[in-house]
Amino acid sequence: MVLSQAVEDYLKAIYTLETENKGASTTKIANSLDVSSASATNMVKRLGKMGLVDYQSYKGARLTDSGKKIALEIIRHHRLLELYLLEVMGYSWDEVHDEAEKLEHHISERFEDKIAQLLDDPTHDPHGDPIPTKDGLMPEMDAEPLIEGEAEQEYIVSRVKDQDPELLRYLEKVGLLPGIKVKIKEKAPFDGPVTVLVENDEQVIGNDVARNIFVAEI
């Protein structure tokens, strides 16, 4: 089945909303893709006719097995490309997302296999997101937002959710990168900031930022 870039973008967006936001309403889909609600509704209905989503008015969309397989394939392309751009092409980690967005729809399965082979079959992209397997399986992640961590507990940064380049540059500057050890020193009440030790360097992280940094216990 030859699919348009728009169809693939919708499937990827629905997968992300299903897994991270507990459901993909047409309003959430529209916001995610920066389109009108009417456009999102029309496309979701079209995807339903194609057998790629199950859609019910007022309940939103859910990917069918076929739709999920395609979404995971595009996500695999994207995350392999991010790592390739970083490690081989010399891009910085705040640049790779936008470039991968442009390329993910246009590489062949052979090219995907070559990238995976060149990178020694990686399991995670530069931001710590798991890379779906060739068989279409998404590895599970045992991680929680930094904001939900316990004071005086040590963690390892496993993933940075937000793709905003300015934020990524800031996190790189303060050393909050996947694989780095952190220790929560203090959590201010009433949605206040989180004070952490990053390699023994104290940093104060805003609440919104801390929600986008995922950590795992050591």
C-alpha atoms as a PDB file:
ATOM      1  CA  MET A   1       0.000   0.000   0.000  1.00  0.00           C
ATOM      2  CA  VAL A   2       1.492   3.324  -1.091  1.00  0.00           C
ATOM      3  CA  LEU A   3       0.569   5.999   1.447  1.00  0.00           C
ATOM      4  CA  SER A   4       0.886   9.761   1.292  1.00  0.00           C
ATOM      5  CA  GLN A   5       3.089  11.670   3.685  1.00  0.00           C
ATOM      6  CA  ALA A   6      -0.025  13.185   5.269  1.00  0.00           C
ATOM      7  CA  VAL A   7      -1.454   9.736   6.029  1.00  0.00           C
ATOM      8  CA  GLU A   8       1.805   8.633   7.615  1.00  0.00           C
ATOM      9  CA  ASP A   9       1.968  11.819   9.703  1.00  0.00           C
ATOM     10  CA  TYR A  10      -1.551  11.194  11.001  1.00  0.00           C
ATOM     11  CA  LEU A  11      -0.802   7.588  11.906  1.00  0.00           C
ATOM     12  CA  LYS A  12       2.358   8.593  13.760  1.00  0.00           C
ATOM     13  CA  ALA A  13       0.526  11.373  15.604  1.00  0.00           C
ATOM     14  CA  ILE A  14      -2.317   9.049  16.614  1.00  0.00           C
ATOM     15  CA  TYR A  15       0.156   6.452  17.897  1.00  0.00           C
ATOM     16  CA  THR A  16       1.921   9.076  20.022  1.00  0.00           C
ATOM     17  CA  LEU A  17      -1.347  10.411  21.422  1.00  0.00           C
ATOM     18  CA  GLU A  18      -2.594   6.916  22.213  1.00  0.00           C
ATOM     19  CA  THR A  19       0.565   5.939  24.066  1.00  0.00           C
ATOM     20  CA  GLU A  20       1.382   9.218  25.824  1.00  0.00           C
ATOM     21  CA  ASN A  21      -1.943  11.023  26.237  1.00  0.00           C
ATOM     22  CA  LYS A  22      -4.359   8.133  26.857  1.00  0.00           C
ATOM     23  CA  GLY A  23      -6.375   8.710  23.717  1.00  0.00           C
ATOM     24  CA  ALA A  24      -6.454  10.421  20.335  1.00  0.00           C
ATOM     25  CA  SER A  25      -9.439  12.717  20.003  1.00  0.00           C
ATOM     26  CA  THR A  26      -9.759  14.655  16.764  1.00  0.00           C
ATOM     27  CA  THR A  27      -9.068  17.854  18.712  1.00  0.00           C
ATOM     28  CA  LYS A  28      -5.791  16.452  20.043  1.00  0.00           C
ATOM     29  CA  ILE A  29      -4.869  15.166  16.592  1.00  0.00           C
ATOM     30  CA  ALA A  30      -5.578  18.578  15.070  1.00  0.00           C
ATOM     31  CA  ASN A  31      -3.476  20.342  17.714  1.00  0.00           C
ATOM     32  CA  SER A  32      -0.638  17.869  17.270  1.00  0.00           C
ATOM     33  CA  LEU A  33      -0.483  18.394  13.505  1.00  0.00           C
ATOM     34  CA  ASP A  34      -1.456  22.075  13.537  1.00  0.00           C
ATOM     35  CA  VAL A  35      -4.507  21.578  11.326  1.00  0.00           C
ATOM     36  CA  SER A  36      -8.180  22.426  11.762  1.00  0.00           C
ATOM     37  CA  SER A  37     -10.497  20.072  13.631  1.00  0.00           C
ATOM     38  CA  ALA A  38     -12.542  19.656  10.443  1.00  0.00           C
ATOM     39  CA  SER A  39      -9.458  18.572   8.493  1.00  0.00           C
ATOM     40  CA  ALA A  40      -8.492  16.120  11.229  1.00  0.00           C
ATOM     41  CA  THR A  41     -11.997  14.642  11.328  1.00  0.00           C
ATOM     42  CA  ASN A  42     -12.082  14.204   7.559  1.00  0.00           C
ATOM     43  CA  MET A  43      -8.699  12.496   7.497  1.00  0.00           C
ATOM     44  CA  VAL A  44      -9.540  10.202  10.411  1.00  0.00           C
ATOM     45  CA  LYS A  45     -12.716   9.117   8.622  1.00  0.00           C
ATOM     46  CA  ARG A  46     -10.630   8.437   5.521  1.00  0.00           C
ATOM     47  CA  LEU A  47      -8.170   6.387   7.565  1.00  0.00           C
ATOM     48  CA  GLY A  48     -11.114   4.450   8.942  1.00  0.00           C
ATOM     49  CA  LYS A  49     -12.250   3.548   5.423  1.00  0.00           C
ATOM     50  CA  MET A  50      -8.683   2.412   4.683  1.00  0.00           C
ATOM     51  CA  GLY A  51      -8.773   0.063   7.659  1.00  0.00           C
ATOM     52  CA  LEU A  52      -5.991   1.909   9.475  1.00  0.00           C
ATOM     53  CA  VAL A  53      -7.985   3.319  12.406  1.00  0.00           C
ATOM     54  CA  ASP A  54     -11.156   2.607  14.301  1.00  0.00           C
ATOM     55  CA  TYR A  55     -13.046   5.873  14.676  1.00  0.00           C
ATOM     56  CA  GLN A  56     -16.149   6.770  16.645  1.00  0.00           C
ATOM     57  CA  SER A  57     -17.579  10.265  16.919  1.00  0.00           C
ATOM     58  CA  TYR A  58     -16.846  11.889  20.293  1.00  0.00           C
ATOM     59  CA  LYS A  59     -14.537   8.967  21.232  1.00  0.00           C
ATOM     60  CA  GLY A  60     -11.659   9.641  18.869  1.00  0.00           C
ATOM     61  CA  ALA A  61      -9.451   7.293  16.893  1.00  0.00           C
ATOM     62  CA  ARG A  62      -7.559   4.124  17.682  1.00  0.00           C
ATOM     63  CA  LEU A  63      -5.058   2.511  15.363  1.00  0.00           C
ATOM     64  CA  THR A  64      -5.866  -0.907  13.972  1.00  0.00           C
ATOM     65  CA  ASP A  65      -3.076  -3.472  13.855  1.00  0.00           C
ATOM     66  CA  SER A  66      -2.343  -2.397  10.271  1.00  0.00           C
ATOM     67  CA  GLY A  67      -2.253   1.284  11.226  1.00  0.00           C
ATOM     68  CA  LYS A  68      -0.006   0.624  14.219  1.00  0.00           C
ATOM     69  CA  LYS A  69       2.448  -1.360  12.078  1.00  0.00           C
ATOM     70  CA  ILE A  70       2.800   1.557   9.641  1.00  0.00           C
ATOM     71  CA  ALA A  71       3.136   4.112  12.465  1.00  0.00           C
ATOM     72  CA  LEU A  72       5.920   2.105  14.112  1.00  0.00           C
ATOM     73  CA  GLU A  73       7.731   1.764  10.800  1.00  0.00           C
ATOM     74  CA  ILE A  74       7.732   5.557  10.335  1.00  0.00           C
ATOM     75  CA  ILE A  75       8.846   6.076  13.939  1.00  0.00           C
ATOM     76  CA  ARG A  76      11.668   3.573  13.356  1.00  0.00           C
ATOM     77  CA  HIS A  77      12.753   5.525  10.270  1.00  0.00           C
ATOM     78  CA  HIS A  78      12.663   8.795  12.198  1.00  0.00           C
ATOM     79  CA  ARG A  79      14.661   7.636  15.204  1.00  0.00           C
ATOM     80  CA  LEU A  80      17.276   5.790  13.157  1.00  0.00           C
ATOM     81  CA  LEU A  81      17.696   8.913  11.026  1.00  0.00           C
ATOM     82  CA  GLU A  82      18.123  11.077  14.124  1.00  0.00           C
ATOM     83  CA  LEU A  83      20.941   8.870  15.355  1.00  0.00           C
ATOM     84  CA  TYR A  84      22.531   8.683  11.902  1.00  0.00           C
ATOM     85  CA  LEU A  85      22.439  12.466  11.560  1.00  0.00           C
ATOM     86  CA  LEU A  86      24.061  12.875  14.977  1.00  0.00           C
ATOM     87  CA  GLU A  87      26.734  10.180  14.850  1.00  0.00           C
ATOM     88  CA  VAL A  88      27.610  10.112  11.166  1.00  0.00           C
ATOM     89  CA  MET A  89      26.617  13.472   9.708  1.00  0.00           C
ATOM     90  CA  GLY A  90      27.751  15.603  12.640  1.00  0.00           C
ATOM     91  CA  TYR A  91      24.418  17.275  13.456  1.00  0.00           C
ATOM     92  CA  SER A  92      23.811  18.400  17.032  1.00  0.00           C
ATOM     93  CA  TRP A  93      21.044  16.726  19.051  1.00  0.00           C
ATOM     94  CA  ASP A  94      18.859  19.826  18.843  1.00  0.00           C
ATOM     95  CA  GLU A  95      18.962  19.760  15.014  1.00  0.00           C
ATOM     96  CA  VAL A  96      18.225  16.123  14.207  1.00  0.00           C
ATOM     97  CA  HIS A  97      14.459  16.079  14.844  1.00  0.00           C
ATOM     98  CA  ASP A  98      13.501  18.570  12.136  1.00  0.00           C
ATOM     99  CA  GLU A  99      15.808  16.946   9.585  1.00  0.00           C
ATOM    100  CA  ALA A 100      14.469  13.474  10.355  1.00  0.00           C
ATOM    101  CA  GLU A 101      10.903  14.771   9.962  1.00  0.00           C
ATOM    102  CA  LYS A 102      11.725  15.696   6.366  1.00  0.00           C
ATOM    103  CA  LEU A 103      13.490  12.429   5.523  1.00  0.00           C
ATOM    104  CA  GLU A 104      11.467   9.766   7.332  1.00  0.00           C
ATOM    105  CA  HIS A 105       8.892   9.362   4.542  1.00  0.00           C
ATOM    106  CA  HIS A 106      11.386   9.001   1.744  1.00  0.00           C
ATOM    107  CA  ILE A 107      13.867   6.280   2.681  1.00  0.00           C
ATOM    108  CA  SER A 108      13.539   2.709   1.432  1.00  0.00           C
ATOM    109  CA  GLU A 109      13.533  -0.382   3.624  1.00  0.00           C
ATOM    110  CA  ARG A 110      16.981  -1.200   2.253  1.00  0.00           C
ATOM    111  CA  PHE A 111      18.268   2.219   3.297  1.00  0.00           C
ATOM    112  CA  GLU A 112      16.727   1.720   6.747  1.00  0.00           C
ATOM    113  CA  ASP A 113      18.488  -1.646   7.068  1.00  0.00           C
ATOM    114  CA  LYS A 114      21.806  -0.107   6.004  1.00  0.00           C
ATOM    115  CA  ILE A 115      21.515   2.633   8.634  1.00  0.00           C
ATOM    116  CA  ALA A 116      20.664   0.101  11.348  1.00  0.00           C
ATOM    117  CA  GLN A 117      23.608  -2.070  10.317  1.00  0.00           C
ATOM    118  CA  LEU A 118      25.989   0.886  10.220  1.00  0.00           C
ATOM    119  CA  LEU A 119      24.902   1.974  13.711  1.00  0.00           C
ATOM    120  CA  ASP A 120      25.133  -1.601  15.085  1.00  0.00           C
ATOM    121  CA  ASP A 121      21.360  -2.041  15.507  1.00  0.00           C
ATOM    122  CA  PRO A 122      20.780   0.731  18.065  1.00  0.00           C
ATOM    123  CA  THR A 123      17.950   0.552  20.579  1.00  0.00           C
ATOM    124  CA  HIS A 124      17.509   4.279  21.360  1.00  0.00           C
ATOM    125  CA  ASP A 125      17.685   7.592  19.514  1.00  0.00           C
ATOM    126  CA  PRO A 126      19.749  10.616  20.685  1.00  0.00           C
ATOM    127  CA  HIS A 127      16.960  11.810  22.989  1.00  0.00           C
ATOM    128  CA  GLY A 128      16.598   8.415  24.691  1.00  0.00           C
ATOM    129  CA  ASP A 129      13.420   7.351  22.868  1.00  0.00           C
ATOM    130  CA  PRO A 130      13.304   3.615  22.080  1.00  0.00           C
ATOM    131  CA  ILE A 131      13.638   2.605  18.435  1.00  0.00           C
ATOM    132  CA  PRO A 132      10.966   0.127  17.278  1.00  0.00           C
ATOM    133  CA  THR A 133      12.389  -3.165  16.096  1.00  0.00           C
ATOM    134  CA  LYS A 134      12.393  -4.291  12.478  1.00  0.00           C
ATOM    135  CA  ASP A 135       9.505  -6.593  13.429  1.00  0.00           C
ATOM    136  CA  GLY A 136       7.408  -3.655  14.624  1.00  0.00           C
ATOM    137  CA  LEU A 137       7.794  -4.006  18.385  1.00  0.00           C
ATOM    138  CA  MET A 138       8.270  -0.977  20.601  1.00  0.00           C
ATOM    139  CA  PRO A 139      10.629  -1.652  23.539  1.00  0.00           C
ATOM    140  CA  GLU A 140       9.115  -0.774  26.902  1.00  0.00           C
ATOM    141  CA  MET A 141      10.661   1.950  29.044  1.00  0.00           C
ATOM    142  CA  ASP A 142      10.732   1.830  32.823  1.00  0.00           C
ATOM    143  CA  ALA A 143      10.984   5.558  33.483  1.00  0.00           C
ATOM    144  CA  GLU A 144       9.071   8.363  35.146  1.00  0.00           C
ATOM    145  CA  PRO A 145       9.102  12.157  34.800  1.00  0.00           C
ATOM    146  CA  LEU A 146      11.785  13.821  36.921  1.00  0.00           C
ATOM    147  CA  ILE A 147       9.074  15.891  38.592  1.00  0.00           C
ATOM    148  CA  GLU A 148       7.651  12.678  40.087  1.00  0.00           C
ATOM    149  CA  GLY A 149      10.961  11.448  41.513  1.00  0.00           C
ATOM    150  CA  GLU A 150      11.797  11.278  45.218  1.00  0.00           C
ATOM    151  CA  ALA A 151      14.109  13.666  47.036  1.00  0.00           C
ATOM    152  CA  GLU A 152      17.593  12.296  47.811  1.00  0.00           C
ATOM    153  CA  GLN A 153      17.083   9.514  45.260  1.00  0.00           C
ATOM    154  CA  GLU A 154      19.630   8.962  42.490  1.00  0.00           C
ATOM    155  CA  TYR A 155      18.454   8.388  38.919  1.00  0.00           C
ATOM    156  CA  ILE A 156      19.757   8.051  35.405  1.00  0.00           C
ATOM    157  CA  VAL A 157      18.272  10.289  32.716  1.00  0.00           C
ATOM    158  CA  SER A 158      16.707   7.895  30.214  1.00  0.00           C
ATOM    159  CA  ARG A 159      14.761  10.168  27.892  1.00  0.00           C
ATOM    160  CA  VAL A 160      14.039  13.792  27.012  1.00  0.00           C
ATOM    161  CA  LYS A 161      10.527  14.140  25.633  1.00  0.00           C
ATOM    162  CA  ASP A 162      10.430  17.707  24.327  1.00  0.00           C
ATOM    163  CA  GLN A 163      11.971  18.323  20.877  1.00  0.00           C
ATOM    164  CA  ASP A 164      12.177  22.111  21.197  1.00  0.00           C
ATOM    165  CA  PRO A 165      15.699  23.033  19.973  1.00  0.00           C
ATOM    166  CA  GLU A 166      16.133  25.851  22.492  1.00  0.00           C
ATOM    167  CA  LEU A 167      15.242  23.548  25.380  1.00  0.00           C
ATOM    168  CA  LEU A 168      17.554  20.811  24.100  1.00  0.00           C
ATOM    169  CA  ARG A 169      20.436  23.287  23.890  1.00  0.00           C
ATOM    170  CA  TYR A 170      19.712  24.352  27.468  1.00  0.00           C
ATOM    171  CA  LEU A 171      19.639  20.752  28.717  1.00  0.00           C
ATOM    172  CA  GLU A 172      22.922  20.052  26.952  1.00  0.00           C
ATOM    173  CA  LYS A 173      24.443  23.141  28.562  1.00  0.00           C
ATOM    174  CA  VAL A 174      23.491  22.006  32.075  1.00  0.00           C
ATOM    175  CA  GLY A 175      24.413  18.377  31.345  1.00  0.00           C
ATOM    176  CA  LEU A 176      20.943  16.804  31.555  1.00  0.00           C
ATOM    177  CA  LEU A 177      21.473  14.232  28.814  1.00  0.00           C
ATOM    178  CA  PRO A 178      20.382  10.586  28.470  1.00  0.00           C
ATOM    179  CA  GLY A 179      22.730   8.355  30.432  1.00  0.00           C
ATOM    180  CA  ILE A 180      23.719  11.027  32.979  1.00  0.00           C
ATOM    181  CA  LYS A 181      23.280  10.414  36.723  1.00  0.00           C
ATOM    182  CA  VAL A 182      21.201  12.919  38.674  1.00  0.00           C
ATOM    183  CA  LYS A 183      20.145  13.240  42.284  1.00  0.00           C
ATOM    184  CA  ILE A 184      17.053  15.143  43.384  1.00  0.00           C
ATOM    185  CA  LYS A 185      17.968  17.493  46.231  1.00  0.00           C
ATOM    186  CA  GLU A 186      14.712  19.406  46.667  1.00  0.00           C
ATOM    187  CA  LYS A 187      11.244  19.679  45.155  1.00  0.00           C
ATOM    188  CA  ALA A 188       9.563  23.013  45.771  1.00  0.00           C
ATOM    189  CA  PRO A 189       5.825  22.831  46.613  1.00  0.00           C
ATOM    190  CA  PHE A 190       2.953  24.153  44.500  1.00  0.00           C
ATOM    191  CA  ASP A 191       4.464  23.157  41.141  1.00  0.00           C
ATOM    192  CA  GLY A 192       7.722  24.878  41.956  1.00  0.00           C
ATOM    193  CA  PRO A 193      11.138  24.017  40.513  1.00  0.00           C
ATOM    194  CA  VAL A 194      13.228  20.921  41.183  1.00  0.00           C
ATOM    195  CA  THR A 195      16.795  21.227  42.447  1.00  0.00           C
ATOM    196  CA  VAL A 196      19.040  18.428  41.218  1.00  0.00           C
ATOM    197  CA  LEU A 197      22.698  17.467  41.298  1.00  0.00           C
ATOM    198  CA  VAL A 198      24.006  16.795  37.813  1.00  0.00           C
ATOM    199  CA  GLU A 199      27.443  15.200  38.119  1.00  0.00           C
ATOM    200  CA  ASN A 200      27.806  17.063  41.474  1.00  0.00           C
ATOM    201  CA  ASP A 201      26.790  20.377  39.851  1.00  0.00           C
ATOM    202  CA  GLU A 202      23.604  21.822  41.366  1.00  0.00           C
ATOM    203  CA  GLN A 203      20.922  22.923  38.896  1.00  0.00           C
ATOM    204  CA  VAL A 204      17.434  24.346  39.422  1.00  0.00           C
ATOM    205  CA  ILE A 205      15.007  22.960  36.830  1.00  0.00           C
ATOM    206  CA  GLY A 206      11.598  24.475  36.154  1.00  0.00           C
ATOM    207  CA  ASN A 207       8.491  22.365  36.702  1.00  0.00           C
ATOM    208  CA  ASP A 208       7.505  22.214  33.026  1.00  0.00           C
ATOM    209  CA  VAL A 209      11.011  21.179  32.001  1.00  0.00           C
ATOM    210  CA  ALA A 210      11.152  18.517  34.717  1.00  0.00           C
ATOM    211  CA  ARG A 211       7.965  16.968  33.317  1.00  0.00           C
ATOM    212  CA  ASN A 212       9.722  16.365  30.003  1.00  0.00           C
ATOM    213  CA  ILE A 213      12.818  14.704  31.478  1.00  0.00           C
ATOM    214  CA  PHE A 214      12.307  10.993  32.167  1.00  0.00           C
ATOM    215  CA  VAL A 215      14.505   9.156  34.655  1.00  0.00           C
ATOM    216  CA  ALA A 216      15.010   5.606  35.891  1.00  0.00           C
ATOM    217  CA  GLU A 217      16.148   4.536  39.357  1.00  0.00           C
ATOM    218  CA  ILE A 218      19.701   3.329  39.685  1.00  0.00           C
END
